[in-house]
Amino acid sequence: MTVFKIQGETYGASWNEKSLWASVRVWFDLKDEDILPTMITAHDIMTQWALIRIYVDEKDQDITFSVEQFCDSMDEYRPFFSRALDILDTDIDLFRKAFDEVRAKRNETAQRFLA
């Protein structure tokens, strides 16, 4: 995987010649209490977007956003690369908004049980 930075965010790009699979990824650490809301939000986002994969790793407490594609060569993937970055940025924005809503609902529910 080739790792690079754009505006302070770390991304990774990879190409697997054997499987003809290319991907662009960005990842973030998670707090323990955010694992469940992250999983709920990731599921909701992936049901709406066909081009994005969101991987939540409970053990390592991180989340990875990935745009993946089959292609015959890395040259074939190059034109899609900048579009993949745009898809990642758009998806992360959507994810953050949806995550805030899920977390707010979780906090509201918790307060009802504590009252």
C-alpha atoms as a PDB file:
ATOM      1  CA  MET A   1       0.000   0.000   0.000  1.00  0.00           C
ATOM      2  CA  THR A   2       1.199   3.481  -0.843  1.00  0.00           C
ATOM      3  CA  VAL A   3       0.501   5.920   1.991  1.00  0.00           C
ATOM      4  CA  PHE A   4       0.123   9.656   1.326  1.00  0.00           C
ATOM      5  CA  LYS A   5      -1.314  12.758   2.992  1.00  0.00           C
ATOM      6  CA  ILE A   6      -3.814  15.297   1.742  1.00  0.00           C
ATOM      7  CA  GLN A   7      -4.556  18.296   3.958  1.00  0.00           C
ATOM      8  CA  GLY A   8      -3.307  16.466   7.035  1.00  0.00           C
ATOM      9  CA  GLU A   9      -5.330  13.260   6.473  1.00  0.00           C
ATOM     10  CA  THR A  10      -3.502  10.003   5.813  1.00  0.00           C
ATOM     11  CA  TYR A  11      -4.723   7.930   2.865  1.00  0.00           C
ATOM     12  CA  GLY A  12      -3.616   4.638   1.412  1.00  0.00           C
ATOM     13  CA  ALA A  13      -3.827   3.440  -2.181  1.00  0.00           C
ATOM     14  CA  SER A  14      -3.224  -0.100  -3.285  1.00  0.00           C
ATOM     15  CA  TRP A  15      -3.278  -2.160  -6.448  1.00  0.00           C
ATOM     16  CA  ASN A  16      -3.261  -5.940  -6.499  1.00  0.00           C
ATOM     17  CA  GLU A  17      -2.164  -7.138  -9.920  1.00  0.00           C
ATOM     18  CA  LYS A  18      -3.096 -10.738  -9.185  1.00  0.00           C
ATOM     19  CA  SER A  19      -6.729  -9.999  -8.288  1.00  0.00           C
ATOM     20  CA  LEU A  20      -7.012  -6.855 -10.458  1.00  0.00           C
ATOM     21  CA  TRP A  21      -8.248  -4.953  -7.419  1.00  0.00           C
ATOM     22  CA  ALA A  22      -7.556  -1.302  -6.609  1.00  0.00           C
ATOM     23  CA  SER A  23      -8.558   0.690  -3.552  1.00  0.00           C
ATOM     24  CA  VAL A  24      -8.157   4.071  -1.913  1.00  0.00           C
ATOM     25  CA  ARG A  25      -8.609   4.187   1.861  1.00  0.00           C
ATOM     26  CA  VAL A  26      -8.645   6.545   4.788  1.00  0.00           C
ATOM     27  CA  TRP A  27      -8.850   5.456   8.421  1.00  0.00           C
ATOM     28  CA  PHE A  28      -9.482   6.930  11.846  1.00  0.00           C
ATOM     29  CA  ASP A  29      -9.138   5.770  15.446  1.00  0.00           C
ATOM     30  CA  LEU A  30     -12.283   5.240  17.532  1.00  0.00           C
ATOM     31  CA  LYS A  31     -13.115   5.595  21.178  1.00  0.00           C
ATOM     32  CA  ASP A  32     -14.467   2.458  22.843  1.00  0.00           C
ATOM     33  CA  GLU A  33     -17.873   4.054  23.474  1.00  0.00           C
ATOM     34  CA  ASP A  34     -18.180   4.945  19.767  1.00  0.00           C
ATOM     35  CA  ILE A  35     -17.847   1.384  18.402  1.00  0.00           C
ATOM     36  CA  LEU A  36     -21.570   0.520  18.423  1.00  0.00           C
ATOM     37  CA  PRO A  37     -22.793   3.867  16.999  1.00  0.00           C
ATOM     38  CA  THR A  38     -20.053   3.594  14.370  1.00  0.00           C
ATOM     39  CA  MET A  39     -21.228   0.123  13.345  1.00  0.00           C
ATOM     40  CA  ILE A  40     -24.852   1.283  13.110  1.00  0.00           C
ATOM     41  CA  THR A  41     -23.899   4.336  11.061  1.00  0.00           C
ATOM     42  CA  ALA A  42     -21.555   2.363   8.795  1.00  0.00           C
ATOM     43  CA  HIS A  43     -24.329  -0.114   8.020  1.00  0.00           C
ATOM     44  CA  ASP A  44     -26.779   2.685   7.199  1.00  0.00           C
ATOM     45  CA  ILE A  45     -24.304   4.494   4.931  1.00  0.00           C
ATOM     46  CA  MET A  46     -23.320   1.333   3.036  1.00  0.00           C
ATOM     47  CA  THR A  47     -26.958   0.508   2.293  1.00  0.00           C
ATOM     48  CA  GLN A  48     -27.238   3.871   0.524  1.00  0.00           C
ATOM     49  CA  TRP A  49     -23.898   4.004  -1.315  1.00  0.00           C
ATOM     50  CA  ALA A  50     -22.713   1.199  -3.575  1.00  0.00           C
ATOM     51  CA  LEU A  51     -19.189   2.545  -4.088  1.00  0.00           C
ATOM     52  CA  ILE A  52     -18.058   2.804  -0.477  1.00  0.00           C
ATOM     53  CA  ARG A  53     -16.996   0.125   1.989  1.00  0.00           C
ATOM     54  CA  ILE A  54     -16.715   0.943   5.662  1.00  0.00           C
ATOM     55  CA  TYR A  55     -14.803  -1.442   7.891  1.00  0.00           C
ATOM     56  CA  VAL A  56     -15.104  -1.164  11.671  1.00  0.00           C
ATOM     57  CA  ASP A  57     -12.451  -3.027  13.624  1.00  0.00           C
ATOM     58  CA  GLU A  58     -13.536  -3.493  17.237  1.00  0.00           C
ATOM     59  CA  LYS A  59     -10.221  -5.020  18.299  1.00  0.00           C
ATOM     60  CA  ASP A  60      -8.012  -2.221  16.943  1.00  0.00           C
ATOM     61  CA  GLN A  61     -10.733   0.384  17.559  1.00  0.00           C
ATOM     62  CA  ASP A  62     -10.593   1.979  14.145  1.00  0.00           C
ATOM     63  CA  ILE A  63     -12.733   2.652  11.111  1.00  0.00           C
ATOM     64  CA  THR A  64     -11.621   2.456   7.491  1.00  0.00           C
ATOM     65  CA  PHE A  65     -13.446   4.042   4.563  1.00  0.00           C
ATOM     66  CA  SER A  66     -12.542   2.444   1.241  1.00  0.00           C
ATOM     67  CA  VAL A  67     -13.459   2.935  -2.410  1.00  0.00           C
ATOM     68  CA  GLU A  68     -12.643  -0.260  -4.263  1.00  0.00           C
ATOM     69  CA  GLN A  69     -12.816  -1.339  -7.882  1.00  0.00           C
ATOM     70  CA  PHE A  70     -11.887  -4.151 -10.207  1.00  0.00           C
ATOM     71  CA  CYS A  71      -9.791  -2.921 -13.130  1.00  0.00           C
ATOM     72  CA  ASP A  72      -7.503  -4.520 -15.682  1.00  0.00           C
ATOM     73  CA  SER A  73      -4.540  -2.298 -14.910  1.00  0.00           C
ATOM     74  CA  MET A  74      -3.395   0.515 -12.672  1.00  0.00           C
ATOM     75  CA  ASP A  75      -3.487   2.750 -15.757  1.00  0.00           C
ATOM     76  CA  GLU A  76      -7.190   1.973 -16.065  1.00  0.00           C
ATOM     77  CA  TYR A  77      -7.696   2.978 -12.426  1.00  0.00           C
ATOM     78  CA  ARG A  78      -5.835   6.319 -12.637  1.00  0.00           C
ATOM     79  CA  PRO A  79      -8.785   8.318 -14.050  1.00  0.00           C
ATOM     80  CA  PHE A  80     -11.021   6.996 -11.274  1.00  0.00           C
ATOM     81  CA  PHE A  81      -8.508   7.835  -8.526  1.00  0.00           C
ATOM     82  CA  SER A  82      -9.511  11.489  -8.038  1.00  0.00           C
ATOM     83  CA  ARG A  83     -13.180  10.499  -8.162  1.00  0.00           C
ATOM     84  CA  ALA A  84     -12.459   7.900  -5.447  1.00  0.00           C
ATOM     85  CA  LEU A  85     -10.983  10.652  -3.255  1.00  0.00           C
ATOM     86  CA  ASP A  86     -14.110  12.772  -3.812  1.00  0.00           C
ATOM     87  CA  ILE A  87     -16.311   9.796  -2.916  1.00  0.00           C
ATOM     88  CA  LEU A  88     -14.323   9.271   0.298  1.00  0.00           C
ATOM     89  CA  ASP A  89     -14.621  12.930   1.300  1.00  0.00           C
ATOM     90  CA  THR A  90     -18.354  13.027   0.573  1.00  0.00           C
ATOM     91  CA  ASP A  91     -18.958   9.778   2.420  1.00  0.00           C
ATOM     92  CA  ILE A  92     -16.988  10.866   5.469  1.00  0.00           C
ATOM     93  CA  ASP A  93     -19.064  14.056   5.667  1.00  0.00           C
ATOM     94  CA  LEU A  94     -22.299  12.037   5.401  1.00  0.00           C
ATOM     95  CA  PHE A  95     -20.979   9.563   7.965  1.00  0.00           C
ATOM     96  CA  ARG A  96     -20.118  12.285  10.485  1.00  0.00           C
ATOM     97  CA  LYS A  97     -23.599  13.822  10.268  1.00  0.00           C
ATOM     98  CA  ALA A  98     -25.324  10.445  10.561  1.00  0.00           C
ATOM     99  CA  PHE A  99     -22.982   9.389  13.392  1.00  0.00           C
ATOM    100  CA  ASP A 100     -23.822  12.540  15.375  1.00  0.00           C
ATOM    101  CA  GLU A 101     -27.529  11.688  15.020  1.00  0.00           C
ATOM    102  CA  VAL A 102     -26.995   8.081  16.145  1.00  0.00           C
ATOM    103  CA  ARG A 103     -24.900   9.204  19.112  1.00  0.00           C
ATOM    104  CA  ALA A 104     -27.519  11.813  20.095  1.00  0.00           C
ATOM    105  CA  LYS A 105     -30.257   9.137  19.983  1.00  0.00           C
ATOM    106  CA  ARG A 106     -28.089   6.819  22.093  1.00  0.00           C
ATOM    107  CA  ASN A 107     -27.553   9.563  24.675  1.00  0.00           C
ATOM    108  CA  GLU A 108     -31.264  10.421  24.685  1.00  0.00           C
ATOM    109  CA  THR A 109     -32.197   6.782  25.221  1.00  0.00           C
ATOM    110  CA  ALA A 110     -29.614   6.400  28.008  1.00  0.00           C
ATOM    111  CA  GLN A 111     -30.974   9.470  29.778  1.00  0.00           C
ATOM    112  CA  ARG A 112     -34.518   8.040  29.673  1.00  0.00           C
ATOM    113  CA  PHE A 113     -33.335   4.839  31.338  1.00  0.00           C
ATOM    114  CA  LEU A 114     -31.395   6.729  33.976  1.00  0.00           C
ATOM    115  CA  ALA A 115     -34.309   9.012  34.838  1.00  0.00           C
END
